[in-house]
Protein backbone atom coordinates (compact mmCIF):
# COMPACT_ATOMS: atom_id res chain seq x y z
CA MET A 1 -15.58 -102.02 -273.91
CA ILE A 2 -17.09 -105.50 -274.31
CA GLU A 3 -14.63 -107.79 -276.14
CA ARG A 4 -15.90 -109.73 -279.09
CA LYS A 5 -14.85 -113.29 -279.70
CA LEU A 6 -14.29 -112.63 -283.36
CA GLU A 7 -11.67 -109.93 -282.53
CA ASN A 8 -8.88 -112.37 -281.90
CA ILE A 9 -9.80 -114.53 -284.86
CA ILE A 10 -9.52 -111.67 -287.21
CA ARG A 11 -6.26 -110.53 -285.61
CA ARG A 12 -4.80 -114.06 -286.30
CA ARG A 13 -5.94 -113.84 -289.90
CA LEU A 14 -4.25 -110.51 -290.57
CA GLY A 15 -1.20 -110.64 -292.87
CA THR A 16 -2.34 -113.51 -294.81
CA ASP A 17 -3.00 -113.78 -298.41
CA MET A 18 -6.74 -114.31 -297.89
CA ALA A 19 -9.29 -111.78 -297.79
CA ILE A 20 -11.49 -111.48 -294.62
CA MET A 21 -15.38 -111.13 -295.07
CA VAL A 22 -17.55 -110.36 -291.92
CA PHE A 23 -21.33 -110.70 -292.52
CA GLY A 24 -23.92 -109.67 -290.15
CA ALA A 25 -27.10 -107.34 -289.36
CA ARG A 26 -26.63 -103.82 -289.01
CA GLN A 27 -25.65 -102.54 -285.55
CA THR A 28 -24.28 -105.79 -284.36
CA GLY A 29 -20.90 -104.18 -283.95
CA LYS A 30 -19.06 -104.96 -287.12
CA THR A 31 -17.63 -101.45 -287.59
CA THR A 32 -16.67 -101.15 -283.90
CA LEU A 33 -14.93 -104.59 -284.14
CA LEU A 34 -12.75 -103.52 -287.12
CA GLU A 35 -12.07 -100.16 -285.61
CA THR A 36 -10.62 -101.99 -282.50
CA VAL A 37 -8.59 -104.31 -284.61
CA PHE A 38 -6.94 -101.50 -286.69
CA GLU A 39 -6.68 -98.92 -283.89
CA TYR A 40 -2.90 -98.93 -283.93
CA ILE A 41 -2.21 -99.97 -287.47
CA ASP A 42 -1.18 -97.15 -289.79
CA ASP A 43 -1.01 -98.73 -293.30
CA VAL A 44 -4.76 -99.21 -293.72
CA LEU A 45 -7.06 -97.56 -296.05
CA TRP A 46 -10.76 -97.33 -294.84
CA PHE A 47 -13.98 -96.79 -296.79
CA ASN A 48 -17.63 -96.96 -295.77
CA ALA A 49 -19.70 -97.78 -299.07
CA ASP A 50 -22.77 -96.49 -297.37
CA ASP A 51 -21.29 -92.94 -297.59
CA SER A 52 -21.76 -91.46 -301.07
CA GLU A 53 -18.24 -89.84 -301.02
CA ASP A 54 -16.52 -92.92 -300.02
CA LEU A 55 -18.34 -94.91 -302.58
CA GLN A 56 -17.12 -92.45 -305.22
CA ARG A 57 -13.48 -92.81 -304.01
CA LEU A 58 -13.96 -96.64 -303.97
CA ASN A 59 -14.93 -96.64 -307.64
CA ALA A 60 -12.08 -94.39 -308.39
CA LEU A 61 -9.83 -96.96 -306.58
CA PHE A 62 -11.08 -99.86 -308.56
CA ASP A 63 -10.37 -98.01 -311.73
CA ASP A 64 -6.80 -96.92 -310.71
CA PRO A 65 -5.67 -99.04 -307.68
CA GLU A 66 -2.14 -98.14 -307.86
CA TYR A 67 -2.80 -94.49 -307.22
CA PHE A 68 -4.67 -95.32 -303.96
CA LEU A 69 -2.73 -98.38 -302.63
CA ASP A 70 0.88 -97.17 -302.52
CA GLY A 71 2.20 -98.06 -299.12
CA ILE A 72 -1.14 -99.63 -297.99
CA ARG A 73 -1.20 -103.05 -296.53
CA TYR A 74 -4.91 -103.40 -295.50
CA LEU A 75 -7.97 -102.25 -297.37
CA VAL A 76 -11.11 -102.07 -295.19
CA ILE A 77 -14.37 -101.69 -296.90
CA ASP A 78 -17.45 -101.41 -294.63
CA GLU A 79 -20.93 -102.08 -295.90
CA ALA A 80 -19.54 -103.38 -299.18
CA GLN A 81 -22.97 -104.66 -300.40
CA ALA A 82 -23.39 -101.07 -301.71
CA ILE A 83 -20.80 -101.58 -304.27
CA GLU A 84 -21.99 -102.57 -307.64
CA ASN A 85 -20.46 -105.97 -308.98
CA VAL A 86 -18.63 -106.04 -305.68
CA GLY A 87 -17.59 -109.65 -305.90
CA ARG A 88 -15.89 -109.37 -309.41
CA LYS A 89 -14.13 -106.16 -308.33
CA LEU A 90 -12.79 -107.61 -305.04
CA LYS A 91 -11.57 -110.62 -307.02
CA VAL A 92 -9.67 -108.63 -309.58
CA LEU A 93 -8.10 -106.50 -306.75
CA HIS A 94 -7.21 -109.51 -304.68
CA ASP A 95 -5.63 -111.56 -307.45
CA LYS A 96 -3.44 -108.67 -308.54
CA TYR A 97 -2.13 -107.42 -305.04
CA LYS A 98 -2.75 -110.42 -302.62
CA HIS A 99 0.92 -110.46 -301.82
CA ARG A 100 0.99 -107.02 -300.51
CA LEU A 101 -2.58 -106.08 -299.80
CA GLN A 102 -5.27 -107.73 -297.66
CA ILE A 103 -8.93 -106.97 -298.10
CA ILE A 104 -11.27 -106.74 -295.14
CA ALA A 105 -14.95 -106.16 -296.02
CA THR A 106 -18.17 -106.18 -294.02
CA GLY A 107 -21.71 -106.68 -295.26
CA SER A 108 -25.04 -106.27 -293.49
CA SER A 109 -27.07 -108.45 -295.98
CA SER A 110 -25.91 -111.99 -296.93
CA PHE A 111 -28.46 -112.08 -299.65
CA ASP A 112 -26.79 -109.20 -301.24
CA LEU A 113 -23.05 -109.35 -300.52
CA ALA A 114 -22.64 -113.12 -300.14
CA ASN A 115 -24.33 -114.01 -303.26
CA LYS A 116 -22.12 -111.46 -305.14
CA VAL A 117 -18.97 -112.37 -303.35
CA ASN A 118 -19.01 -116.10 -302.65
CA GLU A 119 -18.46 -117.37 -306.20
CA PRO A 120 -15.87 -114.79 -307.39
CA MET A 121 -13.98 -115.11 -304.06
CA THR A 122 -14.08 -118.81 -303.78
CA GLY A 123 -10.77 -120.02 -302.22
CA ARG A 124 -9.76 -116.46 -301.68
CA LYS A 125 -11.49 -115.46 -298.37
CA TRP A 126 -12.08 -116.24 -294.72
CA GLU A 127 -15.83 -115.71 -294.01
CA TYR A 128 -17.27 -115.00 -290.58
CA HIS A 129 -20.75 -113.98 -289.27
CA MET A 130 -21.21 -111.48 -286.49
CA HIS A 131 -24.31 -111.58 -284.45
CA PRO A 132 -25.63 -109.51 -281.49
CA LEU A 133 -23.55 -109.98 -278.20
CA THR A 134 -23.58 -113.47 -276.88
CA PHE A 135 -24.09 -114.88 -273.40
CA SER A 136 -20.48 -116.10 -273.42
CA GLU A 137 -19.03 -112.63 -274.39
CA MET A 138 -21.01 -111.08 -271.48
CA CYS A 139 -19.84 -113.76 -269.15
CA ASP A 140 -16.29 -112.83 -270.03
CA HIS A 141 -17.10 -109.17 -269.60
CA HIS A 142 -18.52 -109.08 -266.05
CA GLY A 143 -18.81 -112.60 -265.00
CA ALA A 144 -21.13 -115.69 -265.45
CA GLU A 145 -23.09 -115.12 -262.12
CA THR A 146 -23.68 -111.53 -263.09
CA GLU A 147 -24.87 -112.46 -266.59
CA LYS A 148 -27.09 -115.10 -265.33
CA SER A 149 -28.76 -112.69 -262.88
CA LEU A 150 -29.62 -110.48 -265.96
CA LEU A 151 -31.53 -113.28 -267.69
CA LYS A 152 -34.96 -111.62 -267.38
CA ARG A 153 -33.54 -108.37 -268.88
CA ARG A 154 -32.00 -110.33 -271.88
CA LEU A 155 -35.16 -112.14 -272.49
CA LEU A 156 -36.98 -108.82 -272.77
CA TYR A 157 -34.28 -106.53 -274.48
CA GLY A 158 -31.80 -109.00 -276.10
CA TYR A 159 -28.13 -108.52 -276.88
CA TYR A 160 -27.76 -105.71 -279.45
CA PRO A 161 -24.64 -103.78 -278.28
CA ASN A 162 -26.35 -100.42 -278.09
CA VAL A 163 -29.10 -102.07 -276.05
CA VAL A 164 -26.83 -103.64 -273.64
CA THR A 165 -24.77 -100.50 -273.16
CA HIS A 166 -27.74 -98.10 -272.82
CA VAL A 167 -29.39 -99.39 -269.66
CA GLY A 168 -32.67 -97.51 -269.19
CA ASP A 169 -33.09 -96.62 -272.86
CA GLU A 170 -33.53 -100.12 -274.22
CA ARG A 171 -36.94 -99.58 -275.54
CA GLU A 172 -36.07 -96.54 -277.46
CA VAL A 173 -32.88 -98.02 -279.01
CA LEU A 174 -34.99 -101.15 -280.03
CA ALA A 175 -37.79 -99.01 -281.60
CA GLY A 176 -34.99 -97.38 -283.90
CA LEU A 177 -33.57 -100.59 -284.78
CA SER A 178 -36.90 -102.58 -285.50
CA ASN A 179 -38.51 -99.58 -287.27
CA SER A 180 -35.64 -98.49 -289.67
CA THR A 181 -32.29 -100.25 -289.44
CA LEU A 182 -33.77 -103.65 -289.47
CA TYR A 183 -35.53 -103.03 -292.80
CA LYS A 184 -32.94 -100.93 -294.52
CA ASP A 185 -31.41 -103.88 -296.65
CA VAL A 186 -34.54 -105.99 -296.73
CA LEU A 187 -36.72 -103.54 -298.25
CA LYS A 188 -34.43 -102.57 -301.01
CA PHE A 189 -34.10 -106.03 -302.25
CA SER A 190 -35.56 -106.34 -305.77
CA GLU A 191 -37.55 -109.47 -305.01
CA ILE A 192 -39.86 -107.91 -302.42
CA ARG A 193 -42.94 -106.56 -304.13
CA HIS A 194 -45.08 -106.26 -301.06
CA ALA A 195 -42.82 -104.30 -298.65
CA ASP A 196 -45.71 -103.66 -296.29
CA LYS A 197 -46.10 -107.49 -295.84
CA ILE A 198 -42.59 -107.87 -294.35
CA ALA A 199 -43.52 -106.22 -291.08
CA ASP A 200 -46.68 -108.15 -291.00
CA LEU A 201 -44.95 -111.47 -291.54
CA LEU A 202 -42.24 -110.71 -288.86
CA LYS A 203 -44.93 -109.91 -286.35
CA ALA A 204 -46.79 -113.12 -287.24
CA LEU A 205 -43.48 -115.12 -286.83
CA ALA A 206 -42.78 -113.23 -283.58
CA HIS A 207 -46.09 -114.68 -282.12
CA GLN A 208 -45.08 -118.20 -283.27
CA ILE A 209 -41.75 -118.74 -281.87
CA GLY A 210 -41.23 -122.32 -280.77
CA ARG A 211 -44.13 -123.61 -282.85
CA LEU A 212 -44.20 -125.41 -286.24
CA VAL A 213 -44.32 -122.99 -289.09
CA ASP A 214 -47.53 -123.35 -291.05
CA TYR A 215 -47.10 -121.68 -294.45
CA ALA A 216 -50.60 -122.11 -295.44
CA GLU A 217 -51.83 -120.19 -292.46
CA LEU A 218 -49.34 -117.41 -292.88
CA ALA A 219 -50.28 -117.05 -296.40
CA THR A 220 -53.92 -116.80 -295.59
CA LEU A 221 -53.07 -114.30 -292.72
CA LEU A 222 -51.15 -112.15 -294.98
CA ASP A 223 -53.18 -112.49 -298.19
CA LEU A 224 -50.10 -113.86 -300.10
CA ASP A 225 -49.39 -117.10 -301.86
CA GLN A 226 -47.29 -119.78 -300.10
CA LYS A 227 -44.47 -119.44 -302.49
CA THR A 228 -44.18 -115.71 -301.67
CA VAL A 229 -44.13 -116.46 -297.95
CA ARG A 230 -41.43 -118.94 -298.21
CA LYS A 231 -39.33 -116.46 -300.38
CA TYR A 232 -39.87 -113.63 -297.72
CA ILE A 233 -38.87 -116.02 -294.98
CA ARG A 234 -35.65 -116.88 -296.87
CA ILE A 235 -34.85 -113.21 -297.27
CA LEU A 236 -35.49 -112.51 -293.55
CA GLU A 237 -32.97 -115.33 -292.62
CA GLN A 238 -30.42 -113.97 -295.20
CA ALA A 239 -30.77 -110.65 -293.37
CA PHE A 240 -29.85 -112.25 -290.06
CA ILE A 241 -33.16 -111.36 -288.37
CA ILE A 242 -34.70 -115.04 -288.15
CA PHE A 243 -33.34 -118.60 -288.47
CA LYS A 244 -34.75 -122.03 -288.92
CA LEU A 245 -34.47 -125.09 -286.81
CA LYS A 246 -34.92 -128.34 -288.76
CA PRO A 247 -36.82 -131.59 -287.57
CA TYR A 248 -34.71 -134.57 -286.63
CA SER A 249 -35.60 -137.97 -288.09
CA ARG A 250 -34.17 -141.16 -289.21
CA ASN A 251 -37.19 -141.84 -291.35
CA ALA A 252 -39.36 -143.34 -288.69
CA ARG A 253 -43.01 -143.33 -290.07
CA ASN A 254 -44.59 -141.31 -287.16
CA GLU A 255 -41.98 -138.49 -287.04
CA ILE A 256 -42.33 -135.00 -288.42
CA LYS A 257 -39.76 -134.72 -291.35
CA SER A 258 -40.52 -131.61 -293.36
CA LYS A 259 -41.88 -128.84 -291.16
CA HIS A 260 -39.54 -126.55 -289.22
CA LYS A 261 -39.46 -123.91 -286.39
CA ILE A 262 -38.42 -120.33 -286.72
CA TYR A 263 -36.63 -118.32 -284.09
CA PHE A 264 -35.25 -114.83 -283.77
CA TYR A 265 -31.62 -114.02 -283.46
CA ASP A 266 -32.54 -111.39 -280.93
CA LEU A 267 -35.48 -111.30 -278.50
CA GLY A 268 -35.26 -107.51 -278.04
CA ILE A 269 -36.10 -107.18 -281.82
CA ARG A 270 -38.87 -109.72 -281.44
CA ASN A 271 -40.49 -108.00 -278.65
CA ALA A 272 -40.12 -104.52 -280.22
CA LEU A 273 -41.88 -105.90 -283.40
CA ILE A 274 -44.89 -106.94 -281.27
CA GLY A 275 -44.68 -104.01 -278.74
CA ASP A 276 -44.89 -106.24 -275.70
CA TRP A 277 -42.75 -105.14 -272.77
CA ARG A 278 -44.44 -106.82 -269.92
CA SER A 279 -42.20 -108.43 -267.36
CA ILE A 280 -41.27 -112.15 -267.70
CA ASN A 281 -43.47 -112.93 -264.77
CA GLU A 282 -46.63 -111.59 -266.36
CA ARG A 283 -46.26 -113.25 -269.78
CA ASP A 284 -47.80 -116.41 -271.16
CA ASP A 285 -45.06 -116.62 -273.73
CA ALA A 286 -42.19 -116.57 -271.16
CA GLY A 287 -41.47 -120.23 -271.79
CA HIS A 288 -41.23 -119.84 -275.60
CA MET A 289 -39.11 -116.71 -274.99
CA PHE A 290 -36.50 -118.74 -272.91
CA GLU A 291 -36.52 -121.50 -275.46
CA ASN A 292 -35.79 -118.99 -278.23
CA TYR A 293 -32.97 -117.40 -276.01
CA VAL A 294 -31.27 -120.77 -275.33
CA ILE A 295 -31.41 -121.92 -279.01
CA ALA A 296 -30.38 -118.64 -280.45
CA GLU A 297 -27.31 -118.55 -278.23
CA LEU A 298 -26.28 -121.86 -279.63
CA LYS A 299 -27.01 -120.69 -283.14
CA LYS A 300 -24.81 -117.64 -282.72
CA THR A 301 -21.78 -119.65 -281.50
CA GLN A 302 -22.09 -123.17 -282.69
CA LYS A 303 -21.81 -125.23 -285.74
CA TRP A 304 -25.45 -125.14 -286.56
CA GLU A 305 -25.78 -128.12 -288.90
CA ASN A 306 -25.68 -130.52 -285.99
CA TYR A 307 -28.90 -128.99 -284.20
CA TYR A 308 -32.62 -129.98 -284.72
CA PHE A 309 -35.82 -130.47 -282.83
CA TRP A 310 -37.87 -133.65 -282.64
CA ARG A 311 -41.60 -134.21 -282.88
CA ASP A 312 -43.80 -137.16 -283.78
CA LYS A 313 -47.41 -137.33 -284.96
CA LYS A 314 -48.58 -137.88 -281.50
CA GLN A 315 -47.30 -134.43 -280.61
CA GLN A 316 -44.45 -135.80 -278.45
CA GLU A 317 -41.63 -133.36 -278.74
CA ILE A 318 -38.08 -132.42 -277.74
CA ASP A 319 -37.00 -128.85 -278.07
CA LEU A 320 -33.40 -129.34 -278.96
CA ILE A 321 -31.36 -132.29 -280.46
CA GLN A 322 -27.73 -132.12 -280.92
CA GLU A 323 -25.98 -134.81 -283.08
CA VAL A 324 -22.14 -135.08 -282.86
CA SER A 325 -20.38 -138.05 -284.67
CA GLY A 326 -23.49 -140.10 -284.72
CA ALA A 327 -24.19 -139.61 -280.85
CA VAL A 328 -27.48 -137.92 -279.88
CA ASN A 329 -28.02 -135.43 -277.06
CA ALA A 330 -31.46 -134.34 -276.15
CA TYR A 331 -32.63 -131.18 -274.30
CA GLU A 332 -36.02 -130.19 -273.22
CA ILE A 333 -36.08 -126.48 -272.43
CA LYS A 334 -38.29 -125.06 -269.59
CA LEU A 335 -37.93 -121.67 -268.06
CA SER A 336 -38.81 -122.70 -264.43
CA PRO A 337 -36.59 -125.11 -262.61
CA LYS A 338 -39.78 -126.34 -261.06
CA ALA A 339 -41.45 -127.23 -264.26
CA LYS A 340 -42.34 -130.87 -264.89
CA ALA A 341 -40.75 -132.19 -267.96
CA LYS A 342 -39.18 -135.33 -269.35
CA ILE A 343 -37.65 -136.75 -272.42
CA PRO A 344 -40.25 -138.98 -274.22
CA SER A 345 -39.60 -142.56 -273.59
CA SER A 346 -40.22 -143.43 -277.29
CA PHE A 347 -37.38 -141.15 -278.20
CA ILE A 348 -34.97 -142.75 -275.78
CA MET A 349 -35.87 -146.27 -276.93
CA ARG A 350 -35.35 -145.40 -280.58
CA TYR A 351 -32.25 -143.21 -280.36
CA ALA A 352 -30.54 -144.08 -277.06
CA PRO A 353 -29.35 -140.50 -276.50
CA LYS A 354 -25.92 -139.91 -274.88
CA THR A 355 -27.45 -137.13 -272.86
CA ALA A 356 -31.17 -136.48 -271.97
CA LYS A 357 -31.49 -133.39 -269.96
CA ILE A 358 -33.88 -130.71 -268.92
CA VAL A 359 -32.57 -127.28 -269.45
CA ASN A 360 -33.89 -124.33 -267.37
CA SER A 361 -33.07 -120.94 -266.03
CA SER A 362 -30.77 -122.40 -263.29
CA ASN A 363 -28.71 -124.73 -265.46
CA PHE A 364 -28.77 -123.28 -269.05
CA ASP A 365 -25.15 -122.10 -268.78
CA GLU A 366 -24.15 -125.79 -268.47
CA LEU A 367 -25.48 -126.51 -272.03
CA MET A 368 -23.41 -123.60 -273.48
CA ALA A 369 -20.34 -124.97 -271.73
CA PHE A 370 -21.07 -128.58 -272.87
CA SER A 371 -21.45 -127.43 -276.50
CA SER A 372 -18.08 -125.62 -276.47
CA ALA A 373 -16.49 -128.49 -278.34
CA ASN A 374 -18.35 -127.35 -281.45
CA THR A 375 -17.90 -123.67 -281.02
CA LEU A 376 -17.20 -121.36 -283.90
CA PHE A 377 -14.88 -119.39 -281.80
């Protein structure tokens, strides 16, 4: 079994008087993680709120907790977003029983669970996000050199656990994920009035990874207004499918300040959406895919508020900027070690970066290690 970094963190939080919340997309391994953590623990009561019978029993528990919780130390609720008024119910339960009961809940949609839980459970919970497998976790599993040798496979098929563990069946697994599981929470969200547009929007974004997002262009393409496009993109972010990278600027006149880029948490999902399984050597988007890969790996494991891209109005650009305690590190990302690239001299003169480096398929693991000081794990 592939060990998840989050496992030891959750183990260390067990037995405290704080609830544990784990958010993440479906099929990223949240249930498997908790099954591993609680494998040898007896005083645990487990519910899957996606199951109608379990949901009925949960509602009965909230009505009469004493009947269900006698002798129970841990209450695990999987897919808790299915529970009506979940935040208020968990708060009442936590406040009354926190000295002898710890609540552990997972949710596959932050726009649903987090919005309902965060305010009622403020100061009462540890909160974690679980993403598809990471480069670091796979290095721990079978060694860094082996994982680096699989880069082209990861660029095509990504890191969803069922994809990684079903070699040869990756496309079928990803087809199921991208056609059903991916949309299960998104499409039931009440603010989506044009469900058919979500798939079209994702496909459009999939073709634009690594480029500045143009909302007007997307709105025209999808026959929607810009406000709706922005709202749908926010929902897709909250469903852990895509994420934004902000521009870096200290208010220089010629710098891009408002536009951002959008990347996918998982390239396998991205490639399934556009139905493109050509090998990396045959693709004209291979460079953008590698850029997405590197940035997504950092997004999954790092404190993301410190990361940006930089671009000026002369179209000089740096793919990734990291700012730590006022110091700036600049990285240009190129798939081929032979690609000619450099950090623009105008950026160097203005910001005097501590590090200015070209990241490629030979040395990208060094960036992962260099950033470890800010790791979430």
